[in-house]
Amino acid sequence: IPLTRTGPCEVVIFDIHALQNQFYFSSNVIVRLESTVGLLLDALNNRENQNEKFAIAFPDDGAHKRFAHMFEENRYPIVICSKIREDDKRITTIKEGNPTGYHCIIIDDLVQSGGTLIECAQALLKTGAVNISAFVGHGIFPNESWKKFIHSNNPKVRFDTFYVTNTYPNTQVLIGKPPFKVISIAKLLYNICFN
């Protein structure tokens, strides 16, 4: 990427999956790492039922390290899931926190097939969560894997709301398909460009 008239070019990356990827660019580029999680916080503040008790759940330690600091623990209790080996199987369990009585929102940077989110949701429900939602910055969904989250297609886990941003073009097919709620990143881009 060439220099601009005012110096190095600035590239904005939302919810980068692998932090080392920011070093892919030459010294002619300033990498600015941003997150879409603020859009979820706005959505939670605007929900109709303000008396609902939410907990924030992470499917693994990586998601916890990346996103936990964005949530006030006194407002949103934290639950961390983990995969453990049991014989030749990998089982998702609750590593830390207590989901009992909470509407748990699973937070991750991206979703592909959705297996990790579904396993995490099952573990949360098994240990007392009353409802499950999810938020991901990037909905990749190869081979239309989003269809397994449609209520009629998944008798195992019913997500109340599946928040996904429009950072990936194929998320447009999710508009108007419960439980999906596509959140535009336009506000974030505007603030980055003009503030």
C-alpha atoms as a PDB file:
ATOM      1  CA  ILE A   1       0.000   0.000   0.000  1.00  0.00           C
ATOM      2  CA  PRO A   2       1.623   3.292  -1.049  1.00  0.00           C
ATOM      3  CA  LEU A   3       2.007   6.364   1.146  1.00  0.00           C
ATOM      4  CA  THR A   4      -0.737   8.964   1.023  1.00  0.00           C
ATOM      5  CA  ARG A   5      -0.205  12.718   0.628  1.00  0.00           C
ATOM      6  CA  THR A   6      -0.266  13.059   4.408  1.00  0.00           C
ATOM      7  CA  GLY A   7       1.875  10.020   5.232  1.00  0.00           C
ATOM      8  CA  PRO A   8       1.150   6.367   5.978  1.00  0.00           C
ATOM      9  CA  CYS A   9      -2.192   4.890   5.019  1.00  0.00           C
ATOM     10  CA  GLU A  10      -4.441   3.845   7.908  1.00  0.00           C
ATOM     11  CA  VAL A  11      -6.205   0.468   7.729  1.00  0.00           C
ATOM     12  CA  VAL A  12      -9.037  -0.233  10.170  1.00  0.00           C
ATOM     13  CA  ILE A  13      -9.614  -3.857  11.165  1.00  0.00           C
ATOM     14  CA  PHE A  14     -12.656  -4.833  13.230  1.00  0.00           C
ATOM     15  CA  ASP A  15     -12.346  -7.746  15.651  1.00  0.00           C
ATOM     16  CA  ILE A  16      -9.184  -9.181  14.134  1.00  0.00           C
ATOM     17  CA  HIS A  17      -9.144 -12.965  14.463  1.00  0.00           C
ATOM     18  CA  ALA A  18      -5.388 -13.429  14.820  1.00  0.00           C
ATOM     19  CA  LEU A  19      -3.505 -10.493  16.318  1.00  0.00           C
ATOM     20  CA  GLN A  20      -0.328 -11.350  14.431  1.00  0.00           C
ATOM     21  CA  ASN A  21      -2.113 -10.520  11.144  1.00  0.00           C
ATOM     22  CA  GLN A  22      -1.734  -6.825  11.916  1.00  0.00           C
ATOM     23  CA  PHE A  23       1.979  -7.223  11.154  1.00  0.00           C
ATOM     24  CA  TYR A  24       1.259  -8.379   7.606  1.00  0.00           C
ATOM     25  CA  PHE A  25       1.341  -4.769   6.430  1.00  0.00           C
ATOM     26  CA  SER A  26       4.502  -2.790   5.696  1.00  0.00           C
ATOM     27  CA  SER A  27       5.656   0.210   7.707  1.00  0.00           C
ATOM     28  CA  ASN A  28       3.766   2.391   5.190  1.00  0.00           C
ATOM     29  CA  VAL A  29       0.544   1.327   6.909  1.00  0.00           C
ATOM     30  CA  ILE A  30      -0.862   2.206  10.317  1.00  0.00           C
ATOM     31  CA  VAL A  31      -3.111  -0.606  11.532  1.00  0.00           C
ATOM     32  CA  ARG A  32      -5.999   0.511  13.716  1.00  0.00           C
ATOM     33  CA  LEU A  33      -7.694  -2.296  15.634  1.00  0.00           C
ATOM     34  CA  GLU A  34     -11.342  -1.669  16.517  1.00  0.00           C
ATOM     35  CA  SER A  35     -14.208  -3.745  17.881  1.00  0.00           C
ATOM     36  CA  THR A  36     -17.877  -4.113  17.032  1.00  0.00           C
ATOM     37  CA  VAL A  37     -18.838  -5.039  20.625  1.00  0.00           C
ATOM     38  CA  GLY A  38     -20.021  -1.469  21.309  1.00  0.00           C
ATOM     39  CA  LEU A  39     -22.859  -2.131  18.857  1.00  0.00           C
ATOM     40  CA  LEU A  40     -24.030  -5.034  21.029  1.00  0.00           C
ATOM     41  CA  LEU A  41     -23.908  -2.874  24.156  1.00  0.00           C
ATOM     42  CA  ASP A  42     -26.079  -0.294  22.368  1.00  0.00           C
ATOM     43  CA  ALA A  43     -28.543  -3.032  21.358  1.00  0.00           C
ATOM     44  CA  LEU A  44     -28.741  -4.329  24.943  1.00  0.00           C
ATOM     45  CA  ASN A  45     -29.406  -0.837  26.293  1.00  0.00           C
ATOM     46  CA  ASN A  46     -32.249  -0.442  23.781  1.00  0.00           C
ATOM     47  CA  ARG A  47     -33.996  -3.766  24.486  1.00  0.00           C
ATOM     48  CA  GLU A  48     -37.625  -3.565  25.514  1.00  0.00           C
ATOM     49  CA  ASN A  49     -37.268  -5.712  28.643  1.00  0.00           C
ATOM     50  CA  GLN A  50     -34.793  -3.750  30.748  1.00  0.00           C
ATOM     51  CA  ASN A  51     -35.387  -6.072  33.734  1.00  0.00           C
ATOM     52  CA  GLU A  52     -33.856  -9.087  32.015  1.00  0.00           C
ATOM     53  CA  LYS A  53     -30.675 -10.344  33.703  1.00  0.00           C
ATOM     54  CA  PHE A  54     -27.831 -10.836  31.227  1.00  0.00           C
ATOM     55  CA  ALA A  55     -24.536 -12.652  31.633  1.00  0.00           C
ATOM     56  CA  ILE A  56     -21.753 -12.523  29.068  1.00  0.00           C
ATOM     57  CA  ALA A  57     -20.390 -15.914  28.031  1.00  0.00           C
ATOM     58  CA  PHE A  58     -17.236 -16.692  26.105  1.00  0.00           C
ATOM     59  CA  PRO A  59     -16.749 -19.975  24.223  1.00  0.00           C
ATOM     60  CA  ASP A  60     -13.045 -20.109  25.127  1.00  0.00           C
ATOM     61  CA  ASP A  61     -10.190 -18.286  26.865  1.00  0.00           C
ATOM     62  CA  GLY A  62      -9.203 -16.484  23.663  1.00  0.00           C
ATOM     63  CA  ALA A  63     -12.569 -14.758  23.342  1.00  0.00           C
ATOM     64  CA  HIS A  64     -12.505 -13.945  27.065  1.00  0.00           C
ATOM     65  CA  LYS A  65      -9.067 -12.317  26.851  1.00  0.00           C
ATOM     66  CA  ARG A  66     -10.064 -10.327  23.792  1.00  0.00           C
ATOM     67  CA  PHE A  67     -13.499  -9.043  24.833  1.00  0.00           C
ATOM     68  CA  ALA A  68     -14.071  -9.323  28.619  1.00  0.00           C
ATOM     69  CA  HIS A  69     -12.619  -5.886  29.389  1.00  0.00           C
ATOM     70  CA  MET A  70     -15.435  -4.296  27.341  1.00  0.00           C
ATOM     71  CA  PHE A  71     -18.137  -5.423  29.792  1.00  0.00           C
ATOM     72  CA  GLU A  72     -18.735  -4.066  33.291  1.00  0.00           C
ATOM     73  CA  GLU A  73     -18.577  -7.149  35.523  1.00  0.00           C
ATOM     74  CA  ASN A  74     -20.916  -5.625  38.103  1.00  0.00           C
ATOM     75  CA  ARG A  75     -23.535  -5.240  35.341  1.00  0.00           C
ATOM     76  CA  TYR A  76     -22.787  -8.366  33.294  1.00  0.00           C
ATOM     77  CA  PRO A  77     -21.456 -11.439  35.125  1.00  0.00           C
ATOM     78  CA  ILE A  78     -18.861 -13.342  33.099  1.00  0.00           C
ATOM     79  CA  VAL A  79     -19.035 -17.047  32.201  1.00  0.00           C
ATOM     80  CA  ILE A  80     -16.188 -18.839  30.412  1.00  0.00           C
ATOM     81  CA  CYS A  81     -16.692 -22.122  28.577  1.00  0.00           C
ATOM     82  CA  SER A  82     -13.918 -24.532  27.746  1.00  0.00           C
ATOM     83  CA  LYS A  83     -13.466 -27.720  25.760  1.00  0.00           C
ATOM     84  CA  ILE A  84     -12.021 -30.628  27.700  1.00  0.00           C
ATOM     85  CA  ARG A  85     -11.005 -34.086  26.532  1.00  0.00           C
ATOM     86  CA  GLU A  86     -12.979 -36.993  27.921  1.00  0.00           C
ATOM     87  CA  ASP A  87     -11.626 -40.238  26.481  1.00  0.00           C
ATOM     88  CA  ASP A  88     -11.625 -39.640  22.721  1.00  0.00           C
ATOM     89  CA  LYS A  89     -14.284 -36.888  22.810  1.00  0.00           C
ATOM     90  CA  ARG A  90     -14.070 -33.150  23.346  1.00  0.00           C
ATOM     91  CA  ILE A  91     -16.799 -31.845  25.632  1.00  0.00           C
ATOM     92  CA  THR A  92     -17.697 -28.206  26.261  1.00  0.00           C
ATOM     93  CA  THR A  93     -18.077 -27.339  29.948  1.00  0.00           C
ATOM     94  CA  ILE A  94     -18.319 -24.256  32.136  1.00  0.00           C
ATOM     95  CA  LYS A  95     -14.800 -23.363  33.257  1.00  0.00           C
ATOM     96  CA  GLU A  96     -15.648 -20.257  35.274  1.00  0.00           C
ATOM     97  CA  GLY A  97     -18.777 -18.358  36.337  1.00  0.00           C
ATOM     98  CA  ASN A  98     -22.385 -19.325  36.974  1.00  0.00           C
ATOM     99  CA  PRO A  99     -25.031 -18.950  34.237  1.00  0.00           C
ATOM    100  CA  THR A 100     -27.948 -20.009  36.470  1.00  0.00           C
ATOM    101  CA  GLY A 101     -30.923 -17.675  36.061  1.00  0.00           C
ATOM    102  CA  TYR A 102     -29.303 -15.527  33.362  1.00  0.00           C
ATOM    103  CA  HIS A 103     -29.945 -14.829  29.709  1.00  0.00           C
ATOM    104  CA  CYS A 104     -26.439 -15.642  28.474  1.00  0.00           C
ATOM    105  CA  ILE A 105     -25.013 -13.881  25.434  1.00  0.00           C
ATOM    106  CA  ILE A 106     -22.128 -15.775  23.850  1.00  0.00           C
ATOM    107  CA  ILE A 107     -19.513 -13.397  22.414  1.00  0.00           C
ATOM    108  CA  ASP A 108     -16.967 -14.294  19.737  1.00  0.00           C
ATOM    109  CA  ASP A 109     -15.122 -12.582  16.908  1.00  0.00           C
ATOM    110  CA  LEU A 110     -16.469 -14.789  14.125  1.00  0.00           C
ATOM    111  CA  VAL A 111     -18.649 -17.757  13.355  1.00  0.00           C
ATOM    112  CA  GLN A 112     -18.201 -20.287  10.579  1.00  0.00           C
ATOM    113  CA  SER A 113     -20.066 -23.579  10.995  1.00  0.00           C
ATOM    114  CA  GLY A 114     -21.403 -22.553  14.411  1.00  0.00           C
ATOM    115  CA  GLY A 115     -20.501 -25.784  16.184  1.00  0.00           C
ATOM    116  CA  THR A 116     -18.591 -24.044  18.973  1.00  0.00           C
ATOM    117  CA  LEU A 117     -21.487 -21.660  19.682  1.00  0.00           C
ATOM    118  CA  ILE A 118     -24.032 -24.486  19.775  1.00  0.00           C
ATOM    119  CA  GLU A 119     -21.876 -26.594  22.119  1.00  0.00           C
ATOM    120  CA  CYS A 120     -21.320 -23.597  24.395  1.00  0.00           C
ATOM    121  CA  ALA A 121     -25.065 -22.846  24.393  1.00  0.00           C
ATOM    122  CA  GLN A 122     -25.870 -26.446  25.352  1.00  0.00           C
ATOM    123  CA  ALA A 123     -23.400 -26.313  28.264  1.00  0.00           C
ATOM    124  CA  LEU A 124     -24.887 -23.017  29.478  1.00  0.00           C
ATOM    125  CA  LEU A 125     -28.468 -24.319  29.306  1.00  0.00           C
ATOM    126  CA  LYS A 126     -27.487 -27.551  31.060  1.00  0.00           C
ATOM    127  CA  THR A 127     -26.076 -25.527  33.976  1.00  0.00           C
ATOM    128  CA  GLY A 128     -29.074 -23.249  34.440  1.00  0.00           C
ATOM    129  CA  ALA A 129     -29.099 -20.456  31.841  1.00  0.00           C
ATOM    130  CA  VAL A 130     -32.691 -19.407  31.119  1.00  0.00           C
ATOM    131  CA  ASN A 131     -32.054 -18.090  27.615  1.00  0.00           C
ATOM    132  CA  ILE A 132     -29.251 -17.955  25.039  1.00  0.00           C
ATOM    133  CA  SER A 133     -28.239 -15.319  22.498  1.00  0.00           C
ATOM    134  CA  ALA A 134     -25.016 -14.794  20.555  1.00  0.00           C
ATOM    135  CA  PHE A 135     -23.008 -11.897  19.150  1.00  0.00           C
ATOM    136  CA  VAL A 136     -20.270 -12.229  16.546  1.00  0.00           C
ATOM    137  CA  GLY A 137     -18.434  -9.504  14.700  1.00  0.00           C
ATOM    138  CA  HIS A 138     -18.074 -11.532  11.508  1.00  0.00           C
ATOM    139  CA  GLY A 139     -20.688 -13.987  10.256  1.00  0.00           C
ATOM    140  CA  ILE A 140     -18.783 -16.082   7.710  1.00  0.00           C
ATOM    141  CA  PHE A 141     -21.269 -19.007   7.513  1.00  0.00           C
ATOM    142  CA  PRO A 142     -19.763 -21.067   4.657  1.00  0.00           C
ATOM    143  CA  ASN A 143     -22.132 -23.442   2.841  1.00  0.00           C
ATOM    144  CA  GLU A 144     -25.178 -21.685   4.336  1.00  0.00           C
ATOM    145  CA  SER A 145     -24.294 -22.981   7.803  1.00  0.00           C
ATOM    146  CA  TRP A 146     -26.419 -20.129   9.218  1.00  0.00           C
ATOM    147  CA  LYS A 147     -29.467 -22.283   8.504  1.00  0.00           C
ATOM    148  CA  LYS A 148     -28.763 -24.471  11.547  1.00  0.00           C
ATOM    149  CA  PHE A 149     -29.596 -21.462  13.761  1.00  0.00           C
ATOM    150  CA  ILE A 150     -33.059 -20.941  12.266  1.00  0.00           C
ATOM    151  CA  HIS A 151     -35.506 -22.005  14.972  1.00  0.00           C
ATOM    152  CA  SER A 152     -37.220 -24.720  12.925  1.00  0.00           C
ATOM    153  CA  ASN A 153     -33.872 -26.265  11.921  1.00  0.00           C
ATOM    154  CA  ASN A 154     -32.307 -26.758  15.351  1.00  0.00           C
ATOM    155  CA  PRO A 155     -34.301 -28.594  17.999  1.00  0.00           C
ATOM    156  CA  LYS A 156     -31.220 -28.826  20.299  1.00  0.00           C
ATOM    157  CA  VAL A 157     -30.658 -25.128  20.963  1.00  0.00           C
ATOM    158  CA  ARG A 158     -32.945 -22.197  20.298  1.00  0.00           C
ATOM    159  CA  PHE A 159     -31.091 -18.880  20.239  1.00  0.00           C
ATOM    160  CA  ASP A 160     -33.277 -15.968  21.344  1.00  0.00           C
ATOM    161  CA  THR A 161     -31.290 -13.468  19.242  1.00  0.00           C
ATOM    162  CA  PHE A 162     -28.208 -13.983  17.103  1.00  0.00           C
ATOM    163  CA  TYR A 163     -26.559 -10.591  16.626  1.00  0.00           C
ATOM    164  CA  VAL A 164     -24.144 -10.357  13.701  1.00  0.00           C
ATOM    165  CA  THR A 165     -22.635  -7.292  12.049  1.00  0.00           C
ATOM    166  CA  ASN A 166     -22.547  -6.634   8.324  1.00  0.00           C
ATOM    167  CA  THR A 167     -18.747  -6.761   8.038  1.00  0.00           C
ATOM    168  CA  TYR A 168     -19.124  -9.758   5.754  1.00  0.00           C
ATOM    169  CA  PRO A 169     -21.311  -9.332   2.637  1.00  0.00           C
ATOM    170  CA  ASN A 170     -23.269 -12.573   2.935  1.00  0.00           C
ATOM    171  CA  THR A 171     -24.939 -11.442   6.165  1.00  0.00           C
ATOM    172  CA  GLN A 172     -27.508  -9.591   4.041  1.00  0.00           C
ATOM    173  CA  VAL A 173     -29.331 -12.919   3.522  1.00  0.00           C
ATOM    174  CA  LEU A 174     -29.928 -13.052   7.299  1.00  0.00           C
ATOM    175  CA  ILE A 175     -32.060  -9.905   7.434  1.00  0.00           C
ATOM    176  CA  GLY A 176     -35.602 -10.780   8.478  1.00  0.00           C
ATOM    177  CA  LYS A 177     -34.717 -14.370   9.429  1.00  0.00           C
ATOM    178  CA  PRO A 178     -35.166 -14.999  13.169  1.00  0.00           C
ATOM    179  CA  PRO A 179     -33.176 -15.320  15.354  1.00  0.00           C
ATOM    180  CA  PHE A 180     -30.746 -13.168  13.352  1.00  0.00           C
ATOM    181  CA  LYS A 181     -30.399  -9.455  13.870  1.00  0.00           C
ATOM    182  CA  VAL A 182     -27.924  -7.842  11.476  1.00  0.00           C
ATOM    183  CA  ILE A 183     -26.300  -4.720  12.932  1.00  0.00           C
ATOM    184  CA  SER A 184     -24.725  -2.196  10.572  1.00  0.00           C
ATOM    185  CA  ILE A 185     -21.188  -0.994  11.236  1.00  0.00           C
ATOM    186  CA  ALA A 186     -21.930   2.313   9.442  1.00  0.00           C
ATOM    187  CA  LYS A 187     -22.027   4.243  12.743  1.00  0.00           C
ATOM    188  CA  LEU A 188     -18.595   2.902  13.728  1.00  0.00           C
ATOM    189  CA  LEU A 189     -17.118   3.763  10.332  1.00  0.00           C
ATOM    190  CA  TYR A 190     -18.601   7.257  10.482  1.00  0.00           C
ATOM    191  CA  ASN A 191     -17.091   7.869  13.930  1.00  0.00           C
ATOM    192  CA  ILE A 192     -13.687   6.592  12.802  1.00  0.00           C
ATOM    193  CA  CYS A 193     -13.662   8.729   9.659  1.00  0.00           C
ATOM    194  CA  PHE A 194     -15.129  11.963  10.984  1.00  0.00           C
ATOM    195  CA  ASN A 195     -14.388  12.145  14.708  1.00  0.00           C
END
